[in-house]
């Protein structure tokens, strides 16, 4: 049964998208699609969610596409102001204080923690430009969290691509159809689900 509701007040502009919850602070972190920022809602009273504050992501790129939360750490997938450039995974604490950021692939579209919290995974869509003159690789970024969010750097990021399939002739209905495209540029990771034992990631391709 519905017990509460929060409205951004913006109609027909993608004004709320992915959300993540921190049980320690009762904060719900919601991607605001119209601003590219993260709205932080206080849902300690679930019948009356209220906007507590907003995390401004303009210093880090063109706006967030996804958020995830684990054990006191919030991570946002932030695209560059030019979508075909590499984006960032930006880390905050439960009160919205900046911790760190690392570079990931082009147009990071979804982010998640593995169930054991040892890795952050980012689906980088690699969307082409409108004229198709620039079509970055679709990739998955694997970020090691073993040293904690404050200590990570770009050396903790492994980017996995699909270049091994560039010479493959698919006969199973798999489509590689963009102008001049090969698998590594045409495949666009959209969403990731991770097995409960944190050993396998399953990635859908848009």
Protein backbone atom coordinates (compact mmCIF):
# COMPACT_ATOMS: atom_id res chain seq x y z
CA UNK A 1 0.00 0.00 0.00
CA UNK A 2 1.23 3.46 -0.84
CA UNK A 3 2.18 5.35 2.32
CA UNK A 4 3.97 8.44 1.06
CA UNK A 5 4.98 10.46 -1.98
CA UNK A 6 7.52 13.05 -3.03
CA UNK A 7 7.21 15.15 -6.20
CA UNK A 8 9.99 17.24 -7.72
CA UNK A 9 7.43 19.63 -9.18
CA UNK A 10 8.88 19.18 -12.67
CA UNK A 11 6.53 17.64 -15.21
CA UNK A 12 7.50 15.67 -18.33
CA UNK A 13 11.25 16.30 -17.98
CA UNK A 14 12.61 13.12 -16.41
CA UNK A 15 12.76 14.77 -13.01
CA UNK A 16 13.38 11.64 -10.99
CA UNK A 17 15.14 8.46 -12.05
CA UNK A 18 17.34 6.01 -10.12
CA UNK A 19 17.27 6.03 -6.32
CA UNK A 20 19.41 4.52 -3.53
CA UNK A 21 18.79 4.35 0.22
CA UNK A 22 20.98 4.82 3.31
CA UNK A 23 19.35 3.17 6.34
CA UNK A 24 21.74 4.90 8.73
CA UNK A 25 20.60 8.41 7.80
CA UNK A 26 17.16 7.62 6.28
CA UNK A 27 18.36 9.45 3.18
CA UNK A 28 17.02 8.50 -0.23
CA UNK A 29 19.37 9.63 -2.99
CA UNK A 30 17.43 10.31 -6.18
CA UNK A 31 18.86 11.23 -9.58
CA UNK A 32 17.08 14.34 -10.85
CA UNK A 33 16.97 13.94 -14.62
CA UNK A 34 16.03 17.55 -15.25
CA UNK A 35 19.00 19.03 -13.34
CA UNK A 36 21.56 16.21 -13.46
CA UNK A 37 22.02 16.54 -9.71
CA UNK A 38 21.13 14.22 -6.83
CA UNK A 39 18.13 15.13 -4.68
CA UNK A 40 18.54 13.83 -1.14
CA UNK A 41 15.22 13.08 0.52
CA UNK A 42 14.65 12.55 4.23
CA UNK A 43 12.27 9.60 4.50
CA UNK A 44 12.49 9.09 8.26
CA UNK A 45 8.74 9.78 8.13
CA UNK A 46 7.76 7.69 5.13
CA UNK A 47 4.34 9.33 5.02
CA UNK A 48 5.98 12.72 4.42
CA UNK A 49 9.24 12.54 2.40
CA UNK A 50 10.94 15.93 2.24
CA UNK A 51 13.85 17.30 0.24
CA UNK A 52 16.78 17.58 2.66
CA UNK A 53 19.46 18.91 0.30
CA UNK A 54 20.86 18.55 -3.22
CA UNK A 55 24.28 17.29 -4.30
CA UNK A 56 25.58 19.50 -7.11
CA UNK A 57 27.37 17.40 -9.72
CA UNK A 58 28.31 20.21 -12.11
CA UNK A 59 31.96 20.22 -10.89
CA UNK A 60 32.33 16.63 -12.09
CA UNK A 61 30.62 16.56 -15.49
CA UNK A 62 27.32 16.84 -17.27
CA UNK A 63 25.10 15.17 -14.67
CA UNK A 64 24.32 11.86 -12.98
CA UNK A 65 22.63 8.91 -14.65
CA UNK A 66 22.63 6.48 -11.73
CA UNK A 67 23.45 6.14 -8.04
CA UNK A 68 24.21 3.27 -5.67
CA UNK A 69 24.85 3.09 -1.92
CA UNK A 70 26.76 0.62 0.26
CA UNK A 71 28.02 0.80 3.83
CA UNK A 72 28.21 4.58 4.14
CA UNK A 73 29.38 5.29 0.60
CA UNK A 74 27.33 6.78 -2.23
CA UNK A 75 28.58 6.52 -5.81
CA UNK A 76 27.18 8.40 -8.79
CA UNK A 77 27.73 7.59 -12.47
CA UNK A 78 28.39 11.01 -14.02
CA UNK A 79 28.61 11.59 -17.77
CA UNK A 80 30.97 14.16 -19.28
CA UNK A 81 29.60 17.42 -20.66
CA UNK A 82 30.42 15.83 -24.04
CA UNK A 83 28.70 12.44 -23.91
CA UNK A 84 31.29 10.72 -26.08
CA UNK A 85 34.11 11.55 -23.64
CA UNK A 86 34.91 9.40 -20.62
CA UNK A 87 32.80 10.04 -17.55
CA UNK A 88 33.40 9.59 -13.83
CA UNK A 89 32.35 7.56 -10.85
CA UNK A 90 32.04 10.11 -8.04
CA UNK A 91 31.96 9.05 -4.38
CA UNK A 92 30.23 10.80 -1.46
CA UNK A 93 29.38 9.92 2.12
CA UNK A 94 25.85 9.57 3.44
CA UNK A 95 25.64 13.30 4.10
CA UNK A 96 26.63 14.25 0.57
CA UNK A 97 30.23 15.17 1.32
CA UNK A 98 32.61 14.54 -1.58
CA UNK A 99 35.12 11.73 -1.06
CA UNK A 100 36.78 10.94 -4.39
CA UNK A 101 36.28 10.33 -8.09
CA UNK A 102 37.80 8.14 -10.81
CA UNK A 103 37.54 8.05 -14.58
CA UNK A 104 35.33 5.43 -16.22
CA UNK A 105 34.13 4.88 -19.80
CA UNK A 106 32.00 7.03 -22.07
CA UNK A 107 28.46 7.82 -20.92
CA UNK A 108 28.32 5.85 -17.65
CA UNK A 109 24.67 4.86 -17.52
CA UNK A 110 24.36 2.57 -14.51
CA UNK A 111 26.43 1.92 -11.38
CA UNK A 112 26.23 -0.73 -8.68
CA UNK A 113 28.18 -2.28 -5.83
CA UNK A 114 28.83 -5.99 -5.76
CA UNK A 115 26.98 -7.64 -2.85
CA UNK A 116 30.22 -8.00 -0.89
CA UNK A 117 31.08 -4.32 -1.43
CA UNK A 118 34.54 -5.10 -2.81
CA UNK A 119 33.87 -3.69 -6.26
CA UNK A 120 31.87 -1.00 -8.00
CA UNK A 121 30.71 -1.80 -11.52
CA UNK A 122 29.76 0.81 -14.12
CA UNK A 123 27.94 0.18 -17.40
CA UNK A 124 29.36 2.68 -19.90
CA UNK A 125 26.97 3.04 -22.79
CA UNK A 126 29.40 4.53 -25.31
CA UNK A 127 26.62 6.28 -27.21
CA UNK A 128 27.59 7.72 -30.62
CA UNK A 129 27.29 11.36 -31.55
CA UNK A 130 24.20 12.34 -33.54
CA UNK A 131 26.20 12.43 -36.78
CA UNK A 132 27.91 9.12 -35.89
CA UNK A 133 31.34 10.64 -36.49
CA UNK A 134 32.32 9.74 -32.92
CA UNK A 135 31.27 6.36 -31.53
CA UNK A 136 33.20 5.37 -28.39
CA UNK A 137 33.46 1.81 -27.17
CA UNK A 138 30.80 0.42 -24.91
CA UNK A 139 32.58 -0.80 -21.79
CA UNK A 140 32.16 -1.98 -18.23
CA UNK A 141 34.38 -0.37 -15.57
CA UNK A 142 35.36 -2.52 -12.59
CA UNK A 143 36.54 -0.43 -9.63
CA UNK A 144 38.35 -2.12 -6.76
CA UNK A 145 37.12 -0.84 -3.40
CA UNK A 146 39.52 -2.88 -1.26
CA UNK A 147 41.39 0.23 -0.06
CA UNK A 148 38.21 2.26 0.54
CA UNK A 149 36.65 5.08 -1.44
CA UNK A 150 39.05 7.74 -0.13
CA UNK A 151 42.13 5.83 -1.32
CA UNK A 152 41.12 4.72 -4.81
CA UNK A 153 42.59 6.23 -7.95
CA UNK A 154 42.44 5.53 -11.68
CA UNK A 155 44.83 2.61 -11.16
CA UNK A 156 42.01 0.81 -9.34
CA UNK A 157 39.80 0.92 -12.46
CA UNK A 158 39.75 -1.90 -15.01
CA UNK A 159 37.80 -1.27 -18.22
CA UNK A 160 36.42 -4.31 -20.04
CA UNK A 161 35.44 -3.94 -23.71
CA UNK A 162 34.09 -6.10 -26.50
CA UNK A 163 36.92 -5.78 -29.03
CA UNK A 164 37.41 -9.56 -28.96
CA UNK A 165 34.17 -9.80 -30.95
CA UNK A 166 35.04 -7.24 -33.63
CA UNK A 167 35.86 -9.92 -36.21
CA UNK A 168 32.92 -12.13 -35.31
CA UNK A 169 30.19 -12.72 -37.89
CA UNK A 170 27.08 -13.19 -35.78
CA UNK A 171 24.49 -15.67 -37.00
CA UNK A 172 22.32 -15.72 -33.88
CA UNK A 173 20.48 -12.45 -34.40
CA UNK A 174 23.01 -10.30 -32.55
CA UNK A 175 23.01 -6.93 -34.30
CA UNK A 176 26.03 -4.88 -35.29
CA UNK A 177 24.50 -2.28 -37.55
CA UNK A 178 25.77 1.25 -36.87
CA UNK A 179 27.50 2.98 -39.82
CA UNK A 180 31.00 1.48 -39.95
CA UNK A 181 30.54 0.02 -36.49
CA UNK A 182 32.07 -3.11 -35.01
CA UNK A 183 30.97 -5.00 -31.93
CA UNK A 184 33.15 -3.01 -29.54
CA UNK A 185 31.59 0.30 -30.57
CA UNK A 186 28.06 -0.92 -31.32
CA UNK A 187 27.51 -2.86 -28.08
CA UNK A 188 26.16 -0.47 -25.44
CA UNK A 189 26.11 -1.77 -21.84
CA UNK A 190 22.91 -0.61 -20.16
CA UNK A 191 22.42 -2.48 -16.90
CA UNK A 192 24.33 -4.85 -14.62
CA UNK A 193 23.13 -7.51 -12.20
CA UNK A 194 25.60 -9.33 -9.95
CA UNK A 195 25.35 -12.85 -8.54
CA UNK A 196 24.91 -13.11 -4.78
CA UNK A 197 28.42 -14.54 -4.38
CA UNK A 198 29.85 -11.46 -6.17
CA UNK A 199 31.63 -13.67 -8.73
CA UNK A 200 29.63 -12.97 -11.89
CA UNK A 201 28.24 -9.79 -13.46
CA UNK A 202 25.48 -10.05 -16.05
CA UNK A 203 25.34 -7.10 -18.44
CA UNK A 204 22.50 -6.23 -20.77
CA UNK A 205 23.41 -4.51 -24.05
CA UNK A 206 21.06 -1.80 -25.23
